[in-house]
PDB file of N, CA and C in Angstrom:
ATOM      1  N   UNK A   1       2.940 -43.826 185.166  1.00  0.00           N
ATOM      2  CA  UNK A   1       1.704 -44.564 185.033  1.00  0.00           C
ATOM      3  C   UNK A   1       1.443 -45.330 186.333  1.00  0.00           C
ATOM      4  N   UNK A   2       0.265 -45.165 186.923  1.00  0.00           N
ATOM      5  CA  UNK A   2      -0.039 -45.866 188.171  1.00  0.00           C
ATOM      6  C   UNK A   2      -0.232 -47.373 187.944  1.00  0.00           C
ATOM      7  N   UNK A   3      -0.018 -48.124 189.007  1.00  0.00           N
ATOM      8  CA  UNK A   3      -0.192 -49.578 188.962  1.00  0.00           C
ATOM      9  C   UNK A   3      -1.678 -49.913 188.913  1.00  0.00           C
ATOM     10  N   UNK A   4      -2.054 -50.828 188.023  1.00  0.00           N
ATOM     11  CA  UNK A   4      -3.453 -51.229 187.906  1.00  0.00           C
ATOM     12  C   UNK A   4      -3.841 -52.113 189.081  1.00  0.00           C
ATOM     13  N   UNK A   5      -4.933 -51.773 189.755  1.00  0.00           N
ATOM     14  CA  UNK A   5      -5.420 -52.666 190.816  1.00  0.00           C
ATOM     15  C   UNK A   5      -6.005 -53.949 190.223  1.00  0.00           C
ATOM     16  N   UNK A   6      -5.988 -54.996 191.003  1.00  0.00           N
ATOM     17  CA  UNK A   6      -6.537 -56.266 190.544  1.00  0.00           C
ATOM     18  C   UNK A   6      -8.019 -56.182 190.247  1.00  0.00           C
ATOM     19  N   UNK A   7      -8.733 -55.355 191.012  1.00  0.00           N
ATOM     20  CA  UNK A   7     -10.169 -55.197 190.778  1.00  0.00           C
ATOM     21  C   UNK A   7     -10.432 -54.579 189.410  1.00  0.00           C
ATOM     22  N   UNK A   8      -9.549 -53.698 188.975  1.00  0.00           N
ATOM     23  CA  UNK A   8      -9.722 -53.077 187.664  1.00  0.00           C
ATOM     24  C   UNK A   8      -9.511 -54.096 186.547  1.00  0.00           C
ATOM     25  N   UNK A   9      -8.539 -54.969 186.716  1.00  0.00           N
ATOM     26  CA  UNK A   9      -8.335 -56.014 185.720  1.00  0.00           C
ATOM     27  C   UNK A   9      -9.530 -56.961 185.678  1.00  0.00           C
ATOM     28  N   UNK A  10     -10.117 -57.227 186.826  1.00  0.00           N
ATOM     29  CA  UNK A  10     -11.319 -58.057 186.865  1.00  0.00           C
ATOM     30  C   UNK A  10     -12.471 -57.366 186.136  1.00  0.00           C
ATOM     31  N   UNK A  11     -12.609 -56.058 186.326  1.00  0.00           N
ATOM     32  CA  UNK A  11     -13.653 -55.298 185.632  1.00  0.00           C
ATOM     33  C   UNK A  11     -13.429 -55.367 184.131  1.00  0.00           C
ATOM     34  N   UNK A  12     -12.184 -55.202 183.696  1.00  0.00           N
ATOM     35  CA  UNK A  12     -11.879 -55.238 182.265  1.00  0.00           C
ATOM     36  C   UNK A  12     -12.205 -56.603 181.664  1.00  0.00           C
ATOM     37  N   UNK A  13     -11.850 -57.659 182.369  1.00  0.00           N
ATOM     38  CA  UNK A  13     -12.145 -59.002 181.871  1.00  0.00           C
ATOM     39  C   UNK A  13     -13.652 -59.244 181.850  1.00  0.00           C
ATOM     40  N   UNK A  14     -14.356 -58.759 182.872  1.00  0.00           N
ATOM     41  CA  UNK A  14     -15.815 -58.905 182.891  1.00  0.00           C
ATOM     42  C   UNK A  14     -16.463 -58.130 181.751  1.00  0.00           C
ATOM     43  N   UNK A  15     -15.908 -56.973 181.402  1.00  0.00           N
ATOM     44  CA  UNK A  15     -16.430 -56.212 180.269  1.00  0.00           C
ATOM     45  C   UNK A  15     -16.243 -57.007 178.972  1.00  0.00           C
ATOM     46  N   UNK A  16     -15.068 -57.598 178.797  1.00  0.00           N
ATOM     47  CA  UNK A  16     -14.822 -58.393 177.593  1.00  0.00           C
ATOM     48  C   UNK A  16     -15.748 -59.605 177.507  1.00  0.00           C
ATOM     49  N   UNK A  17     -15.835 -60.345 178.590  1.00  0.00           N
ATOM     50  CA  UNK A  17     -16.692 -61.538 178.607  1.00  0.00           C
ATOM     51  C   UNK A  17     -18.152 -61.145 178.404  1.00  0.00           C
ATOM     52  N   UNK A  18     -18.581 -60.099 179.098  1.00  0.00           N
ATOM     53  CA  UNK A  18     -19.957 -59.635 178.948  1.00  0.00           C
ATOM     54  C   UNK A  18     -20.255 -59.177 177.532  1.00  0.00           C
ATOM     55  N   UNK A  19     -19.298 -58.529 176.898  1.00  0.00           N
ATOM     56  CA  UNK A  19     -19.489 -58.090 175.528  1.00  0.00           C
ATOM     57  C   UNK A  19     -19.635 -59.252 174.566  1.00  0.00           C
ATOM     58  N   UNK A  20     -18.801 -60.261 174.750  1.00  0.00           N
ATOM     59  CA  UNK A  20     -18.888 -61.441 173.885  1.00  0.00           C
ATOM     60  C   UNK A  20     -20.211 -62.159 174.092  1.00  0.00           C
ATOM     61  N   UNK A  21     -20.622 -62.313 175.347  1.00  0.00           N
ATOM     62  CA  UNK A  21     -21.891 -62.979 175.636  1.00  0.00           C
ATOM     63  C   UNK A  21     -23.063 -62.166 175.073  1.00  0.00           C
ATOM     64  N   UNK A  22     -23.013 -60.848 175.190  1.00  0.00           N
ATOM     65  CA  UNK A  22     -24.096 -60.011 174.671  1.00  0.00           C
ATOM     66  C   UNK A  22     -24.195 -60.123 173.161  1.00  0.00           C
ATOM     67  N   UNK A  23     -23.062 -60.157 172.482  1.00  0.00           N
ATOM     68  CA  UNK A  23     -23.095 -60.317 171.021  1.00  0.00           C
ATOM     69  C   UNK A  23     -23.684 -61.671 170.631  1.00  0.00           C
ATOM     70  N   UNK A  24     -23.292 -62.706 171.354  1.00  0.00           N
ATOM     71  CA  UNK A  24     -23.853 -64.028 171.066  1.00  0.00           C
ATOM     72  C   UNK A  24     -25.344 -64.074 171.368  1.00  0.00           C
ATOM     73  N   UNK A  25     -25.760 -63.451 172.460  1.00  0.00           N
ATOM     74  CA  UNK A  25     -27.185 -63.406 172.802  1.00  0.00           C
ATOM     75  C   UNK A  25     -27.968 -62.632 171.756  1.00  0.00           C
ATOM     76  N   UNK A  26     -27.383 -61.568 171.214  1.00  0.00           N
ATOM     77  CA  UNK A  26     -28.099 -60.793 170.205  1.00  0.00           C
ATOM     78  C   UNK A  26     -28.332 -61.624 168.949  1.00  0.00           C
ATOM     79  N   UNK A  27     -27.347 -62.431 168.592  1.00  0.00           N
ATOM     80  CA  UNK A  27     -27.523 -63.310 167.433  1.00  0.00           C
ATOM     81  C   UNK A  27     -28.613 -64.341 167.710  1.00  0.00           C
ATOM     82  N   UNK A  28     -28.598 -64.900 168.920  1.00  0.00           N
ATOM     83  CA  UNK A  28     -29.606 -65.889 169.296  1.00  0.00           C
ATOM     84  C   UNK A  28     -31.000 -65.279 169.287  1.00  0.00           C
ATOM     85  N   UNK A  29     -31.153 -64.085 169.865  1.00  0.00           N
ATOM     86  CA  UNK A  29     -32.460 -63.426 169.911  1.00  0.00           C
ATOM     87  C   UNK A  29     -32.908 -63.043 168.503  1.00  0.00           C
ATOM     88  N   UNK A  30     -31.977 -62.582 167.671  1.00  0.00           N
ATOM     89  CA  UNK A  30     -32.332 -62.202 166.306  1.00  0.00           C
ATOM     90  C   UNK A  30     -32.827 -63.410 165.512  1.00  0.00           C
ATOM     91  N   UNK A  31     -32.225 -64.559 165.719  1.00  0.00           N
ATOM     92  CA  UNK A  31     -32.649 -65.746 164.993  1.00  0.00           C
ATOM     93  C   UNK A  31     -33.945 -66.332 165.520  1.00  0.00           C
ATOM     94  N   UNK A  32     -34.233 -66.112 166.793  1.00  0.00           N
ATOM     95  CA  UNK A  32     -35.426 -66.712 167.382  1.00  0.00           C
ATOM     96  C   UNK A  32     -36.673 -65.845 167.237  1.00  0.00           C
ATOM     97  N   UNK A  33     -36.515 -64.534 167.069  1.00  0.00           N
ATOM     98  CA  UNK A  33     -37.687 -63.666 166.925  1.00  0.00           C
ATOM     99  C   UNK A  33     -37.476 -62.740 165.733  1.00  0.00           C
ATOM    100  N   UNK A  34     -38.214 -62.980 164.697  1.00  0.00           N
ATOM    101  CA  UNK A  34     -38.009 -62.230 163.462  1.00  0.00           C
ATOM    102  C   UNK A  34     -38.681 -60.864 163.473  1.00  0.00           C
ATOM    103  N   UNK A  35     -39.662 -60.661 164.336  1.00  0.00           N
ATOM    104  CA  UNK A  35     -40.435 -59.433 164.270  1.00  0.00           C
ATOM    105  C   UNK A  35     -40.149 -58.444 165.386  1.00  0.00           C
ATOM    106  N   UNK A  36     -39.356 -58.816 166.365  1.00  0.00           N
ATOM    107  CA  UNK A  36     -39.102 -57.946 167.519  1.00  0.00           C
ATOM    108  C   UNK A  36     -37.634 -57.570 167.517  1.00  0.00           C
ATOM    109  N   UNK A  37     -37.295 -56.406 166.978  1.00  0.00           N
ATOM    110  CA  UNK A  37     -35.907 -56.049 166.695  1.00  0.00           C
ATOM    111  C   UNK A  37     -35.155 -55.369 167.830  1.00  0.00           C
ATOM    112  N   UNK A  38     -35.836 -54.634 168.674  1.00  0.00           N
ATOM    113  CA  UNK A  38     -35.170 -53.785 169.651  1.00  0.00           C
ATOM    114  C   UNK A  38     -34.226 -54.546 170.583  1.00  0.00           C
ATOM    115  N   UNK A  39     -34.615 -55.654 171.198  1.00  0.00           N
ATOM    116  CA  UNK A  39     -33.689 -56.314 172.144  1.00  0.00           C
ATOM    117  C   UNK A  39     -32.397 -56.785 171.509  1.00  0.00           C
ATOM    118  N   UNK A  40     -32.435 -57.357 170.331  1.00  0.00           N
ATOM    119  CA  UNK A  40     -31.192 -57.872 169.777  1.00  0.00           C
ATOM    120  C   UNK A  40     -30.289 -56.767 169.262  1.00  0.00           C
ATOM    121  N   UNK A  41     -30.868 -55.675 168.793  1.00  0.00           N
ATOM    122  CA  UNK A  41     -30.043 -54.531 168.383  1.00  0.00           C
ATOM    123  C   UNK A  41     -29.370 -53.929 169.619  1.00  0.00           C
ATOM    124  N   UNK A  42     -30.140 -53.766 170.694  1.00  0.00           N
ATOM    125  CA  UNK A  42     -29.603 -53.237 171.952  1.00  0.00           C
ATOM    126  C   UNK A  42     -28.472 -54.135 172.462  1.00  0.00           C
ATOM    127  N   UNK A  43     -28.690 -55.421 172.433  1.00  0.00           N
ATOM    128  CA  UNK A  43     -27.697 -56.359 172.938  1.00  0.00           C
ATOM    129  C   UNK A  43     -26.420 -56.329 172.096  1.00  0.00           C
ATOM    130  N   UNK A  44     -26.552 -56.194 170.796  1.00  0.00           N
ATOM    131  CA  UNK A  44     -25.376 -56.129 169.925  1.00  0.00           C
ATOM    132  C   UNK A  44     -24.578 -54.853 170.189  1.00  0.00           C
ATOM    133  N   UNK A  45     -25.272 -53.726 170.345  1.00  0.00           N
ATOM    134  CA  UNK A  45     -24.584 -52.458 170.612  1.00  0.00           C
ATOM    135  C   UNK A  45     -23.864 -52.514 171.955  1.00  0.00           C
ATOM    136  N   UNK A  46     -24.528 -53.017 172.981  1.00  0.00           N
ATOM    137  CA  UNK A  46     -23.907 -53.147 174.299  1.00  0.00           C
ATOM    138  C   UNK A  46     -22.710 -54.087 174.234  1.00  0.00           C
ATOM    139  N   UNK A  47     -22.847 -55.170 173.496  1.00  0.00           N
ATOM    140  CA  UNK A  47     -21.740 -56.111 173.360  1.00  0.00           C
ATOM    141  C   UNK A  47     -20.515 -55.470 172.727  1.00  0.00           C
ATOM    142  N   UNK A  48     -20.724 -54.717 171.673  1.00  0.00           N
ATOM    143  CA  UNK A  48     -19.601 -54.055 171.002  1.00  0.00           C
ATOM    144  C   UNK A  48     -18.963 -53.017 171.917  1.00  0.00           C
ATOM    145  N   UNK A  49     -19.792 -52.224 172.597  1.00  0.00           N
ATOM    146  CA  UNK A  49     -19.254 -51.209 173.507  1.00  0.00           C
ATOM    147  C   UNK A  49     -18.467 -51.831 174.656  1.00  0.00           C
ATOM    148  N   UNK A  50     -18.961 -52.945 175.187  1.00  0.00           N
ATOM    149  CA  UNK A  50     -18.256 -53.615 176.288  1.00  0.00           C
ATOM    150  C   UNK A  50     -16.931 -54.199 175.832  1.00  0.00           C
ATOM    151  N   UNK A  51     -16.895 -54.756 174.638  1.00  0.00           N
ATOM    152  CA  UNK A  51     -15.643 -55.308 174.127  1.00  0.00           C
ATOM    153  C   UNK A  51     -14.611 -54.198 173.949  1.00  0.00           C
ATOM    154  N   UNK A  52     -15.041 -53.072 173.401  1.00  0.00           N
ATOM    155  CA  UNK A  52     -14.127 -51.941 173.213  1.00  0.00           C
ATOM    156  C   UNK A  52     -13.610 -51.433 174.552  1.00  0.00           C
ATOM    157  N   UNK A  53     -14.513 -51.239 175.523  1.00  0.00           N
ATOM    158  CA  UNK A  53     -14.104 -50.711 176.830  1.00  0.00           C
ATOM    159  C   UNK A  53     -13.215 -51.699 177.568  1.00  0.00           C
ATOM    160  N   UNK A  54     -13.525 -52.982 177.488  1.00  0.00           N
ATOM    161  CA  UNK A  54     -12.683 -53.984 178.134  1.00  0.00           C
ATOM    162  C   UNK A  54     -11.275 -53.999 177.568  1.00  0.00           C
ATOM    163  N   UNK A  55     -11.155 -53.869 176.249  1.00  0.00           N
ATOM    164  CA  UNK A  55      -9.839 -53.824 175.622  1.00  0.00           C
ATOM    165  C   UNK A  55      -9.083 -52.558 176.028  1.00  0.00           C
ATOM    166  N   UNK A  56      -9.786 -51.445 176.129  1.00  0.00           N
ATOM    167  CA  UNK A  56      -9.141 -50.201 176.557  1.00  0.00           C
ATOM    168  C   UNK A  56      -8.645 -50.296 177.991  1.00  0.00           C
ATOM    169  N   UNK A  57      -9.429 -50.925 178.855  1.00  0.00           N
ATOM    170  CA  UNK A  57      -9.032 -51.044 180.260  1.00  0.00           C
ATOM    171  C   UNK A  57      -7.874 -52.026 180.451  1.00  0.00           C
ATOM    172  N   UNK A  58      -7.723 -52.980 179.563  1.00  0.00           N
ATOM    173  CA  UNK A  58      -6.596 -53.901 179.654  1.00  0.00           C
ATOM    174  C   UNK A  58      -5.331 -53.304 179.062  1.00  0.00           C
ATOM    175  N   UNK A  59      -5.472 -52.226 178.301  1.00  0.00           N
ATOM    176  CA  UNK A  59      -4.326 -51.598 177.662  1.00  0.00           C
ATOM    177  C   UNK A  59      -3.465 -50.813 178.633  1.00  0.00           C
ATOM    178  N   UNK A  60      -2.399 -50.245 178.088  1.00  0.00           N
ATOM    179  CA  UNK A  60      -1.435 -49.521 178.924  1.00  0.00           C
ATOM    180  C   UNK A  60      -1.917 -48.128 179.317  1.00  0.00           C
ATOM    181  N   UNK A  61      -2.892 -47.598 178.626  1.00  0.00           N
ATOM    182  CA  UNK A  61      -3.417 -46.263 178.935  1.00  0.00           C
ATOM    183  C   UNK A  61      -4.758 -46.330 179.657  1.00  0.00           C
ATOM    184  N   UNK A  62      -4.945 -47.333 180.466  1.00  0.00           N
ATOM    185  CA  UNK A  62      -6.217 -47.507 181.161  1.00  0.00           C
ATOM    186  C   UNK A  62      -6.501 -46.363 182.129  1.00  0.00           C
ATOM    187  N   UNK A  63      -5.454 -45.752 182.668  1.00  0.00           N
ATOM    188  CA  UNK A  63      -5.661 -44.672 183.633  1.00  0.00           C
ATOM    189  C   UNK A  63      -6.230 -43.421 182.969  1.00  0.00           C
ATOM    190  N   UNK A  64      -6.183 -43.345 181.645  1.00  0.00           N
ATOM    191  CA  UNK A  64      -6.743 -42.200 180.931  1.00  0.00           C
ATOM    192  C   UNK A  64      -8.218 -42.389 180.592  1.00  0.00           C
ATOM    193  N   UNK A  65      -8.745 -43.573 180.820  1.00  0.00           N
ATOM    194  CA  UNK A  65     -10.138 -43.877 180.504  1.00  0.00           C
ATOM    195  C   UNK A  65     -11.059 -43.445 181.639  1.00  0.00           C
ATOM    196  N   UNK A  66     -12.343 -43.357 181.313  1.00  0.00           N
ATOM    197  CA  UNK A  66     -13.355 -43.111 182.336  1.00  0.00           C
ATOM    198  C   UNK A  66     -13.816 -44.460 182.885  1.00  0.00           C
ATOM    199  N   UNK A  67     -14.266 -44.492 184.125  1.00  0.00           N
ATOM    200  CA  UNK A  67     -14.760 -45.766 184.671  1.00  0.00           C
ATOM    201  C   UNK A  67     -15.994 -46.237 183.889  1.00  0.00           C
ATOM    202  N   UNK A  68     -16.148 -47.538 183.694  1.00  0.00           N
ATOM    203  CA  UNK A  68     -17.260 -48.056 182.884  1.00  0.00           C
ATOM    204  C   UNK A  68     -18.564 -48.205 183.664  1.00  0.00           C
ATOM    205  N   UNK A  69     -18.913 -47.197 184.450  1.00  0.00           N
ATOM    206  CA  UNK A  69     -20.117 -47.271 185.268  1.00  0.00           C
ATOM    207  C   UNK A  69     -21.380 -47.354 184.417  1.00  0.00           C
ATOM    208  N   UNK A  70     -21.438 -46.551 183.357  1.00  0.00           N
ATOM    209  CA  UNK A  70     -22.624 -46.556 182.488  1.00  0.00           C
ATOM    210  C   UNK A  70     -22.752 -47.898 181.777  1.00  0.00           C
ATOM    211  N   UNK A  71     -21.638 -48.438 181.319  1.00  0.00           N
ATOM    212  CA  UNK A  71     -21.703 -49.740 180.649  1.00  0.00           C
ATOM    213  C   UNK A  71     -22.150 -50.848 181.594  1.00  0.00           C
ATOM    214  N   UNK A  72     -21.749 -50.760 182.847  1.00  0.00           N
ATOM    215  CA  UNK A  72     -22.199 -51.761 183.821  1.00  0.00           C
ATOM    216  C   UNK A  72     -23.713 -51.686 183.998  1.00  0.00           C
ATOM    217  N   UNK A  73     -24.249 -50.479 184.024  1.00  0.00           N
ATOM    218  CA  UNK A  73     -25.700 -50.315 184.137  1.00  0.00           C
ATOM    219  C   UNK A  73     -26.393 -50.842 182.884  1.00  0.00           C
ATOM    220  N   UNK A  74     -25.817 -50.561 181.720  1.00  0.00           N
ATOM    221  CA  UNK A  74     -26.393 -51.064 180.477  1.00  0.00           C
ATOM    222  C   UNK A  74     -26.321 -52.584 180.397  1.00  0.00           C
ATOM    223  N   UNK A  75     -25.292 -53.179 180.994  1.00  0.00           N
ATOM    224  CA  UNK A  75     -25.221 -54.637 181.063  1.00  0.00           C
ATOM    225  C   UNK A  75     -26.370 -55.189 181.897  1.00  0.00           C
ATOM    226  N   UNK A  76     -26.694 -54.505 182.972  1.00  0.00           N
ATOM    227  CA  UNK A  76     -27.807 -54.947 183.820  1.00  0.00           C
ATOM    228  C   UNK A  76     -29.118 -54.857 183.052  1.00  0.00           C
ATOM    229  N   UNK A  77     -29.298 -53.778 182.299  1.00  0.00           N
ATOM    230  CA  UNK A  77     -30.532 -53.592 181.528  1.00  0.00           C
ATOM    231  C   UNK A  77     -30.645 -54.631 180.417  1.00  0.00           C
ATOM    232  N   UNK A  78     -29.545 -55.229 180.034  1.00  0.00           N
ATOM    233  CA  UNK A  78     -29.560 -56.241 178.973  1.00  0.00           C
ATOM    234  C   UNK A  78     -30.334 -57.490 179.379  1.00  0.00           C
ATOM    235  N   UNK A  79     -30.900 -57.503 180.564  1.00  0.00           N
ATOM    236  CA  UNK A  79     -31.739 -58.625 180.998  1.00  0.00           C
ATOM    237  C   UNK A  79     -32.988 -58.711 180.115  1.00  0.00           C
ATOM    238  N   UNK A  80     -33.289 -57.658 179.354  1.00  0.00           N
ATOM    239  CA  UNK A  80     -34.451 -57.703 178.447  1.00  0.00           C
ATOM    240  C   UNK A  80     -34.288 -58.788 177.388  1.00  0.00           C
ATOM    241  N   UNK A  81     -33.058 -59.242 177.159  1.00  0.00           N
ATOM    242  CA  UNK A  81     -32.835 -60.356 176.231  1.00  0.00           C
ATOM    243  C   UNK A  81     -32.593 -61.656 176.993  1.00  0.00           C
ATOM    244  N   UNK A  82     -32.966 -61.695 178.262  1.00  0.00           N
ATOM    245  CA  UNK A  82     -32.778 -62.857 179.140  1.00  0.00           C
ATOM    246  C   UNK A  82     -31.302 -63.199 179.309  1.00  0.00           C
ATOM    247  N   UNK A  83     -30.461 -62.172 179.326  1.00  0.00           N
ATOM    248  CA  UNK A  83     -29.018 -62.347 179.463  1.00  0.00           C
ATOM    249  C   UNK A  83     -28.646 -62.225 180.943  1.00  0.00           C
ATOM    250  N   UNK A  84     -28.722 -63.327 181.645  1.00  0.00           N
ATOM    251  CA  UNK A  84     -28.443 -63.357 183.080  1.00  0.00           C
ATOM    252  C   UNK A  84     -26.954 -63.146 183.348  1.00  0.00           C
ATOM    253  N   UNK A  85     -26.105 -63.583 182.424  1.00  0.00           N
ATOM    254  CA  UNK A  85     -24.658 -63.433 182.603  1.00  0.00           C
ATOM    255  C   UNK A  85     -24.296 -61.954 182.708  1.00  0.00           C
ATOM    256  N   UNK A  86     -24.816 -61.126 181.816  1.00  0.00           N
ATOM    257  CA  UNK A  86     -24.510 -59.704 181.873  1.00  0.00           C
ATOM    258  C   UNK A  86     -25.159 -59.024 183.068  1.00  0.00           C
ATOM    259  N   UNK A  87     -26.280 -59.536 183.517  1.00  0.00           N
ATOM    260  CA  UNK A  87     -26.891 -59.005 184.736  1.00  0.00           C
ATOM    261  C   UNK A  87     -25.929 -59.165 185.910  1.00  0.00           C
ATOM    262  N   UNK A  88     -25.394 -60.368 186.066  1.00  0.00           N
ATOM    263  CA  UNK A  88     -24.462 -60.643 187.165  1.00  0.00           C
ATOM    264  C   UNK A  88     -23.162 -59.857 186.995  1.00  0.00           C
ATOM    265  N   UNK A  89     -22.613 -59.861 185.770  1.00  0.00           N
ATOM    266  CA  UNK A  89     -21.357 -59.143 185.529  1.00  0.00           C
ATOM    267  C   UNK A  89     -21.514 -57.643 185.746  1.00  0.00           C
ATOM    268  N   UNK A  90     -22.657 -57.091 185.365  1.00  0.00           N
ATOM    269  CA  UNK A  90     -22.894 -55.669 185.580  1.00  0.00           C
ATOM    270  C   UNK A  90     -22.967 -55.308 187.052  1.00  0.00           C
ATOM    271  N   UNK A  91     -23.632 -56.139 187.838  1.00  0.00           N
ATOM    272  CA  UNK A  91     -23.748 -55.884 189.278  1.00  0.00           C
ATOM    273  C   UNK A  91     -22.375 -55.995 189.942  1.00  0.00           C
ATOM    274  N   UNK A  92     -21.635 -57.045 189.626  1.00  0.00           N
ATOM    275  CA  UNK A  92     -20.303 -57.227 190.213  1.00  0.00           C
ATOM    276  C   UNK A  92     -19.372 -56.095 189.791  1.00  0.00           C
ATOM    277  N   UNK A  93     -19.478 -55.671 188.544  1.00  0.00           N
ATOM    278  CA  UNK A  93     -18.651 -54.566 188.057  1.00  0.00           C
ATOM    279  C   UNK A  93     -18.951 -53.278 188.811  1.00  0.00           C
ATOM    280  N   UNK A  94     -20.224 -52.997 189.053  1.00  0.00           N
ATOM    281  CA  UNK A  94     -20.572 -51.796 189.818  1.00  0.00           C
ATOM    282  C   UNK A  94     -20.037 -51.861 191.241  1.00  0.00           C
ATOM    283  N   UNK A  95     -20.110 -53.036 191.846  1.00  0.00           N
ATOM    284  CA  UNK A  95     -19.592 -53.193 193.209  1.00  0.00           C
ATOM    285  C   UNK A  95     -18.078 -52.983 193.231  1.00  0.00           C
ATOM    286  N   UNK A  96     -17.379 -53.561 192.263  1.00  0.00           N
ATOM    287  CA  UNK A  96     -15.920 -53.409 192.226  1.00  0.00           C
ATOM    288  C   UNK A  96     -15.505 -51.975 191.915  1.00  0.00           C
ATOM    289  N   UNK A  97     -16.328 -51.243 191.180  1.00  0.00           N
ATOM    290  CA  UNK A  97     -15.989 -49.853 190.878  1.00  0.00           C
ATOM    291  C   UNK A  97     -16.111 -48.959 192.112  1.00  0.00           C
ATOM    292  N   UNK A  98     -16.777 -49.435 193.135  1.00  0.00           N
ATOM    293  CA  UNK A  98     -16.844 -48.705 194.394  1.00  0.00           C
ATOM    294  C   UNK A  98     -15.602 -48.867 195.253  1.00  0.00           C
ATOM    295  N   UNK A  99     -14.697 -49.745 194.836  1.00  0.00           N
ATOM    296  CA  UNK A  99     -13.442 -49.978 195.549  1.00  0.00           C
ATOM    297  C   UNK A  99     -12.599 -48.697 195.536  1.00  0.00           C
ATOM    298  N   UNK A 100     -11.994 -48.376 196.683  1.00  0.00           N
ATOM    299  CA  UNK A 100     -11.195 -47.152 196.795  1.00  0.00           C
ATOM    300  C   UNK A 100     -10.001 -47.147 195.842  1.00  0.00           C
ATOM    301  N   UNK A 101      -9.347 -48.295 195.669  1.00  0.00           N
ATOM    302  CA  UNK A 101      -8.194 -48.366 194.770  1.00  0.00           C
ATOM    303  C   UNK A 101      -8.600 -48.081 193.321  1.00  0.00           C
ATOM    304  N   UNK A 102      -9.749 -48.614 192.920  1.00  0.00           N
ATOM    305  CA  UNK A 102     -10.225 -48.408 191.550  1.00  0.00           C
ATOM    306  C   UNK A 102     -10.599 -46.952 191.341  1.00  0.00           C
ATOM    307  N   UNK A 103     -11.275 -46.360 192.309  1.00  0.00           N
ATOM    308  CA  UNK A 103     -11.642 -44.950 192.190  1.00  0.00           C
ATOM    309  C   UNK A 103     -10.408 -44.065 192.153  1.00  0.00           C
ATOM    310  N   UNK A 104      -9.408 -44.379 192.946  1.00  0.00           N
ATOM    311  CA  UNK A 104      -8.181 -43.592 192.951  1.00  0.00           C
ATOM    312  C   UNK A 104      -7.414 -43.739 191.640  1.00  0.00           C
ATOM    313  N   UNK A 105      -7.529 -44.905 191.006  1.00  0.00           N
ATOM    314  CA  UNK A 105      -6.843 -45.132 189.745  1.00  0.00           C
ATOM    315  C   UNK A 105      -7.382 -44.230 188.642  1.00  0.00           C
ATOM    316  N   UNK A 106      -8.686 -43.978 188.661  1.00  0.00           N
ATOM    317  CA  UNK A 106      -9.311 -43.162 187.628  1.00  0.00           C
ATOM    318  C   UNK A 106      -9.286 -41.673 187.935  1.00  0.00           C
ATOM    319  N   UNK A 107      -9.003 -41.285 189.167  1.00  0.00           N
ATOM    320  CA  UNK A 107      -8.980 -39.855 189.500  1.00  0.00           C
ATOM    321  C   UNK A 107      -7.798 -39.180 188.819  1.00  0.00           C
ATOM    322  N   UNK A 108      -8.025 -37.995 188.254  1.00  0.00           N
ATOM    323  CA  UNK A 108      -6.915 -37.302 187.585  1.00  0.00           C
ATOM    324  C   UNK A 108      -5.865 -36.844 188.576  1.00  0.00           C
ATOM    325  N   UNK A 109      -4.606 -37.041 188.220  1.00  0.00           N
ATOM    326  CA  UNK A 109      -3.489 -36.625 189.058  1.00  0.00           C
ATOM    327  C   UNK A 109      -2.964 -35.309 188.512  1.00  0.00           C
ATOM    328  N   UNK A 110      -2.924 -34.280 189.366  1.00  0.00           N
ATOM    329  CA  UNK A 110      -2.437 -32.956 188.928  1.00  0.00           C
ATOM    330  C   UNK A 110      -0.971 -32.799 189.227  1.00  0.00           C
TER     331      UNK A 110
END
């Protein structure tokens, strides 16, 4: 099993934090707007997916996972619920995923 780079652990923690914040934002948006359902449903789904991916990346089999590039983009799109935290975390996550060590960690070893 390859050694996890520090940037990958930062990405995993950002996924967890972003997921928790997205779930909380979805509850807030759901309570504040009774007739507009799409943003809070989207935010709840993104929050759950981020929590799952963050937990997987912190686990011992993180090298078997795919990089969370799509989730980082979805975190950025979560700005539709005025979630600035996920906007920032998504951008930072995308930047860290460009790191050579992180890319090498996810590449399959033959």
